[in-house]
Amino acid sequence: MLAVVDLFCGIRGFSEGAAQAGASVVLAVDSWASALDAHASRHPEALHWREELGGDVAEFAARVRAVVPPGARLHMHGSPPCQQLSSLKQGGDRVEGLRLVTWYLNLVDALAPDSWTMEQVPHPAVLALLRERGAPFRVLRFDDYGVPNRRRRAIAGTVDFDALRRKPAPSARSVVSPHEDISAFSALTDGNTRGRGEGPVPRSLGLVSTTVTRSHPRLLDQSRRRTKMLGLPALLALQSFPPDFSTAGLRVEDARTMIGNAVSPAVALELIRAAAGRPRSAA
């Protein structure tokens, strides 16, 4: 049995992919009550702890060990938020900006799981920290693994990156059209503009989508320079969530944020598959 602990779990993107790969999610932790409730609705068998992460590493590691079933292999995943990274561009405090990333890496050292992963924006400060800590990582384009948007993330951890199975991602048109009437729209846009009043930068619907965020992509009518926000079902599909995935009970704006922040389940599935094939740790 591969037991998964999902920290900073959000709407359950990583847990969704882990379950699809045959793993058992035993614990999910987040400070956002709405996100944790959404996770619990899909994974009622897991423990759910609502708390701010980043405290005493040894104490938290001991609590995690206590919930892992005897004899199970443990995979720990974390997607620590990095809100302070933008301040680093203006000479901000690197230590504070990477505090939760550092905390998570310290937790990996203390807990010594059989395998682990971490997902982060590929900010130079994040990559420098991973190199300093000797953490294996790759910067992955999620559309290389079947996700129909151009998300690019640093994935660190003890997985066999060469074992990740690449597959072509479907076009935005094929993914969005079952959920939206796109007949009046010729492209997508991520909000960037061409300047000089020339309007948003278009991206063909025949390609994979721009990166999914809380407010983009949007459908673009180039002739009239108007845009339309996508509904939640289309955003979920662009992030590779399954058709039966529900956001019932969530405020629409909260759901948009959670979907934009989520680890794409298709990538999580591949990471768990690659982690499950590694020899058991000696710890």
Protein backbone atom coordinates (compact mmCIF):
# COMPACT_ATOMS: atom_id res chain seq x y z
CA MET A 1 0.00 0.00 0.00
CA LEU A 2 1.22 3.48 -0.87
CA ALA A 3 -0.08 5.97 1.70
CA VAL A 4 -0.14 9.60 0.58
CA VAL A 5 0.08 12.64 2.83
CA ASP A 6 -0.94 15.82 0.98
CA LEU A 7 0.20 19.08 2.61
CA PHE A 8 -1.15 22.47 1.51
CA CYS A 9 -3.67 20.23 -0.24
CA GLY A 10 -6.06 22.84 -1.65
CA ILE A 11 -8.94 21.52 -3.73
CA ARG A 12 -7.26 18.07 -3.96
CA GLY A 13 -5.50 18.14 -7.32
CA PHE A 14 -2.55 16.05 -6.16
CA SER A 15 -4.75 13.73 -4.12
CA GLU A 16 -7.01 13.21 -7.14
CA GLY A 17 -4.10 12.06 -9.28
CA ALA A 18 -2.72 9.92 -6.47
CA ALA A 19 -6.04 8.12 -6.09
CA GLN A 20 -6.22 7.56 -9.84
CA ALA A 21 -2.77 5.94 -9.58
CA GLY A 22 -4.07 3.52 -6.95
CA ALA A 23 -2.58 5.17 -3.85
CA SER A 24 -4.51 5.76 -0.62
CA VAL A 25 -4.71 9.33 0.65
CA VAL A 26 -4.46 9.06 4.44
CA LEU A 27 -3.97 12.70 5.46
CA ALA A 28 -4.65 16.12 3.95
CA VAL A 29 -3.69 19.40 5.59
CA ASP A 30 -4.57 22.99 4.69
CA SER A 31 -5.41 26.22 6.50
CA TRP A 32 -8.28 27.13 4.15
CA ALA A 33 -11.46 25.60 5.56
CA SER A 34 -13.37 25.69 2.26
CA ALA A 35 -10.55 23.90 0.43
CA LEU A 36 -10.27 21.29 3.16
CA ASP A 37 -14.03 20.67 3.11
CA ALA A 38 -13.86 20.25 -0.66
CA HIS A 39 -11.03 17.76 -0.24
CA ALA A 40 -12.98 15.81 2.38
CA SER A 41 -16.00 15.51 0.09
CA ARG A 42 -13.89 13.56 -2.41
CA HIS A 43 -11.66 11.71 0.08
CA PRO A 44 -13.82 11.02 3.15
CA GLU A 45 -11.55 8.15 4.17
CA ALA A 46 -8.61 10.50 4.81
CA LEU A 47 -7.88 12.48 7.94
CA HIS A 48 -8.21 16.23 7.46
CA TRP A 49 -6.28 18.67 9.62
CA ARG A 50 -7.05 22.36 9.38
CA GLU A 51 -3.97 24.23 10.51
CA GLU A 52 -1.32 26.71 9.51
CA LEU A 53 1.76 24.76 8.50
CA GLY A 54 5.24 26.01 9.24
CA GLY A 55 5.59 25.31 12.96
CA ASP A 56 7.73 22.85 14.90
CA VAL A 57 9.07 20.31 12.40
CA ALA A 58 9.77 17.48 14.84
CA GLU A 59 6.33 17.73 16.46
CA PHE A 60 4.54 17.72 13.12
CA ALA A 61 6.66 14.84 11.79
CA ALA A 62 5.73 12.76 14.84
CA ARG A 63 2.03 13.39 14.26
CA VAL A 64 2.31 12.38 10.61
CA ARG A 65 4.16 9.16 11.47
CA ALA A 66 1.35 8.23 13.85
CA VAL A 67 -1.30 8.19 11.11
CA VAL A 68 0.59 6.13 8.53
CA PRO A 69 -0.77 2.56 8.52
CA PRO A 70 1.74 -0.08 9.69
CA GLY A 71 3.68 -1.58 6.80
CA ALA A 72 2.58 1.08 4.32
CA ARG A 73 4.99 2.97 2.11
CA LEU A 74 4.70 6.71 2.71
CA HIS A 75 4.67 9.31 -0.05
CA MET A 76 4.52 12.93 1.12
CA HIS A 77 3.58 15.76 -1.22
CA GLY A 78 3.60 19.48 -0.54
CA SER A 79 2.70 22.58 -2.53
CA PRO A 80 3.79 25.31 -0.11
CA PRO A 81 2.52 28.77 -1.03
CA CYS A 82 5.19 31.29 -1.88
CA GLN A 83 3.39 34.63 -1.70
CA GLN A 84 6.57 36.45 -0.79
CA LEU A 85 8.43 35.51 -3.97
CA SER A 86 7.26 38.63 -5.77
CA SER A 87 8.98 40.74 -3.13
CA LEU A 88 12.31 39.10 -3.98
CA LYS A 89 12.24 40.91 -7.31
CA GLN A 90 12.44 44.16 -5.35
CA GLY A 91 15.22 42.95 -3.07
CA GLY A 92 12.93 41.39 -0.48
CA ASP A 93 13.95 38.98 2.28
CA ARG A 94 14.91 35.70 0.61
CA VAL A 95 14.63 33.75 3.86
CA GLU A 96 11.07 34.92 4.57
CA GLY A 97 10.07 34.56 0.93
CA LEU A 98 11.05 30.89 0.97
CA ARG A 99 10.08 30.14 4.56
CA LEU A 100 7.44 27.49 3.86
CA VAL A 101 9.50 25.89 1.10
CA THR A 102 12.41 25.59 3.55
CA TRP A 103 10.07 24.27 6.24
CA TYR A 104 8.78 21.59 3.91
CA LEU A 105 12.29 20.48 2.94
CA ASN A 106 13.19 20.33 6.65
CA LEU A 107 10.11 18.18 7.22
CA VAL A 108 11.24 15.81 4.46
CA ASP A 109 14.58 15.43 6.26
CA ALA A 110 12.91 14.85 9.63
CA LEU A 111 10.22 12.44 8.45
CA ALA A 112 12.30 10.54 5.86
CA PRO A 113 9.31 9.29 3.84
CA ASP A 114 9.78 6.47 1.36
CA SER A 115 9.26 9.04 -1.40
CA TRP A 116 8.28 12.68 -1.62
CA THR A 117 7.43 15.44 -4.05
CA MET A 118 7.07 19.21 -3.94
CA GLU A 119 5.49 21.51 -6.52
CA GLN A 120 6.55 25.12 -6.85
CA VAL A 121 6.77 27.99 -9.29
CA PRO A 122 10.18 27.80 -11.06
CA HIS A 123 11.36 31.07 -9.53
CA PRO A 124 15.17 31.43 -9.57
CA ALA A 125 15.20 31.69 -5.77
CA VAL A 126 13.32 28.39 -5.48
CA LEU A 127 15.66 26.63 -7.90
CA ALA A 128 18.70 28.03 -6.08
CA LEU A 129 17.38 26.73 -2.75
CA LEU A 130 16.75 23.27 -4.20
CA ARG A 131 20.31 23.15 -5.53
CA GLU A 132 21.68 24.28 -2.15
CA ARG A 133 19.75 21.52 -0.40
CA GLY A 134 20.76 18.88 -2.92
CA ALA A 135 17.12 18.15 -3.72
CA PRO A 136 16.54 16.46 -7.08
CA PHE A 137 14.17 18.43 -9.28
CA ARG A 138 13.01 19.06 -12.81
CA VAL A 139 11.13 21.98 -14.33
CA LEU A 140 8.23 20.31 -16.12
CA ARG A 141 5.84 21.55 -18.77
CA PHE A 142 2.56 19.96 -17.83
CA ASP A 143 1.32 19.79 -21.42
CA ASP A 144 4.10 17.25 -22.03
CA TYR A 145 2.09 14.91 -19.79
CA GLY A 146 -1.34 15.38 -21.31
CA VAL A 147 -2.50 18.49 -19.43
CA PRO A 148 -4.14 20.87 -21.92
CA ASN A 149 -2.59 24.07 -20.56
CA ARG A 150 0.92 25.51 -20.57
CA ARG A 151 1.57 25.28 -16.83
CA ARG A 152 5.27 25.13 -16.02
CA ARG A 153 6.36 24.12 -12.53
CA ALA A 154 9.41 22.98 -10.61
CA ILE A 155 8.85 19.48 -9.25
CA ALA A 156 11.30 18.32 -6.62
CA GLY A 157 11.44 14.91 -5.04
CA THR A 158 12.54 11.30 -5.07
CA VAL A 159 10.79 10.16 -8.21
CA ASP A 160 12.24 8.68 -11.36
CA PHE A 161 11.68 11.67 -13.64
CA ASP A 162 12.77 9.66 -16.67
CA ALA A 163 9.92 7.23 -15.98
CA LEU A 164 7.24 9.90 -16.37
CA ARG A 165 5.16 8.98 -19.40
CA ARG A 166 4.78 11.74 -21.95
CA LYS A 167 1.56 12.02 -23.91
CA PRO A 168 0.18 14.64 -26.28
CA ALA A 169 -2.21 17.14 -24.73
CA PRO A 170 -5.55 17.78 -26.44
CA SER A 171 -6.32 21.17 -27.94
CA ALA A 172 -8.13 23.84 -25.97
CA ARG A 173 -10.97 23.67 -28.49
CA SER A 174 -11.61 19.98 -27.90
CA VAL A 175 -11.50 20.42 -24.11
CA VAL A 176 -13.51 23.63 -23.80
CA SER A 177 -16.20 23.11 -26.45
CA PRO A 178 -18.18 20.47 -24.49
CA HIS A 179 -18.63 23.07 -21.73
CA GLU A 180 -18.83 26.42 -23.55
CA ASP A 181 -20.40 27.82 -26.71
CA ILE A 182 -17.25 28.92 -28.54
CA SER A 183 -18.87 29.66 -31.91
CA ALA A 184 -18.36 33.43 -31.58
CA PHE A 185 -14.76 33.18 -30.38
CA SER A 186 -11.60 32.66 -32.38
CA ALA A 187 -8.93 32.31 -29.70
CA LEU A 188 -7.98 32.32 -26.03
CA THR A 189 -6.07 35.01 -24.16
CA ASP A 190 -4.15 35.06 -20.89
CA GLY A 191 -4.65 38.77 -20.28
CA ASN A 192 -1.40 39.98 -21.82
CA THR A 193 -1.79 42.77 -24.37
CA ARG A 194 0.18 43.69 -27.46
CA GLY A 195 0.34 47.37 -26.51
CA ARG A 196 -0.57 50.50 -28.45
CA GLY A 197 -4.25 49.66 -28.14
CA GLU A 198 -3.92 46.51 -30.25
CA GLY A 199 -5.81 44.37 -27.75
CA PRO A 200 -5.12 41.06 -26.00
CA VAL A 201 -2.56 38.60 -27.30
CA PRO A 202 -4.49 35.72 -28.94
CA ARG A 203 -3.69 32.02 -28.68
CA SER A 204 -5.28 29.63 -31.12
CA LEU A 205 -7.97 27.31 -29.79
CA GLY A 206 -6.26 24.62 -31.82
CA LEU A 207 -3.32 24.67 -29.38
CA VAL A 208 -3.19 23.83 -25.69
CA SER A 209 -4.51 26.58 -23.46
CA THR A 210 -2.54 29.29 -21.74
CA THR A 211 -1.81 28.60 -18.06
CA VAL A 212 -4.95 28.27 -15.95
CA THR A 213 -5.24 30.89 -13.21
CA ARG A 214 -8.16 32.22 -11.19
CA SER A 215 -9.09 34.67 -13.98
CA HIS A 216 -7.63 33.18 -17.17
CA PRO A 217 -7.66 31.93 -19.84
CA ARG A 218 -10.59 33.74 -21.41
CA LEU A 219 -12.27 33.23 -24.74
CA LEU A 220 -11.36 36.01 -27.18
CA ASP A 221 -13.41 37.49 -30.00
CA GLN A 222 -10.63 39.22 -31.92
CA SER A 223 -12.91 41.10 -34.31
CA ARG A 224 -14.81 42.79 -31.48
CA ARG A 225 -11.99 42.73 -28.93
CA ARG A 226 -14.19 41.23 -26.27
CA THR A 227 -13.46 38.39 -23.88
CA LYS A 228 -15.52 35.91 -21.92
CA MET A 229 -14.51 34.13 -18.73
CA LEU A 230 -14.65 30.35 -18.78
CA GLY A 231 -16.97 28.52 -16.42
CA LEU A 232 -15.73 26.15 -13.73
CA PRO A 233 -16.30 22.93 -15.74
CA ALA A 234 -14.07 24.20 -18.57
CA LEU A 235 -11.35 25.32 -16.14
CA LEU A 236 -11.43 21.94 -14.40
CA ALA A 237 -11.11 20.15 -17.73
CA LEU A 238 -8.15 22.33 -18.74
CA GLN A 239 -6.45 21.30 -15.49
CA SER A 240 -7.12 17.59 -16.26
CA PHE A 241 -9.70 17.02 -13.51
CA PRO A 242 -12.15 14.19 -14.30
CA PRO A 243 -15.66 14.98 -15.60
CA ASP A 244 -17.34 13.94 -12.33
CA PHE A 245 -15.24 16.31 -10.23
CA SER A 246 -17.57 18.62 -8.31
CA THR A 247 -17.10 22.09 -6.84
CA ALA A 248 -20.55 22.07 -5.25
CA GLY A 249 -20.77 24.20 -2.13
CA LEU A 250 -17.85 26.45 -3.05
CA ARG A 251 -18.11 30.14 -3.85
CA VAL A 252 -17.34 30.58 -7.54
CA GLU A 253 -14.42 32.93 -6.90
CA ASP A 254 -12.97 30.54 -4.31
CA ALA A 255 -13.34 27.64 -6.72
CA ARG A 256 -11.56 29.60 -9.45
CA THR A 257 -8.65 30.30 -7.11
CA MET A 258 -8.44 26.67 -5.99
CA ILE A 259 -8.52 25.34 -9.56
CA GLY A 260 -5.83 27.80 -10.62
CA ASN A 261 -3.62 26.80 -7.68
CA ALA A 262 -4.14 23.04 -8.05
CA VAL A 263 -1.58 20.46 -9.08
CA SER A 264 -2.93 18.99 -12.31
CA PRO A 265 -4.16 15.45 -11.50
CA ALA A 266 -2.64 14.02 -14.70
CA VAL A 267 0.82 15.08 -13.53
CA ALA A 268 0.19 13.89 -9.98
CA LEU A 269 -0.77 10.47 -11.34
CA GLU A 270 2.54 10.22 -13.18
CA LEU A 271 4.53 11.36 -10.14
CA ILE A 272 2.89 8.76 -7.90
CA ARG A 273 3.40 6.08 -10.51
CA ALA A 274 7.10 6.95 -10.76
CA ALA A 275 7.44 7.14 -6.97
CA ALA A 276 5.72 3.79 -6.40
CA GLY A 277 8.27 2.07 -8.62
CA ARG A 278 11.23 3.15 -6.49
CA PRO A 279 12.85 0.77 -3.98
CA ARG A 280 11.65 1.20 -0.41
CA SER A 281 13.85 3.51 1.67
CA ALA A 282 16.02 2.06 4.38
CA ALA A 283 14.79 4.58 6.94
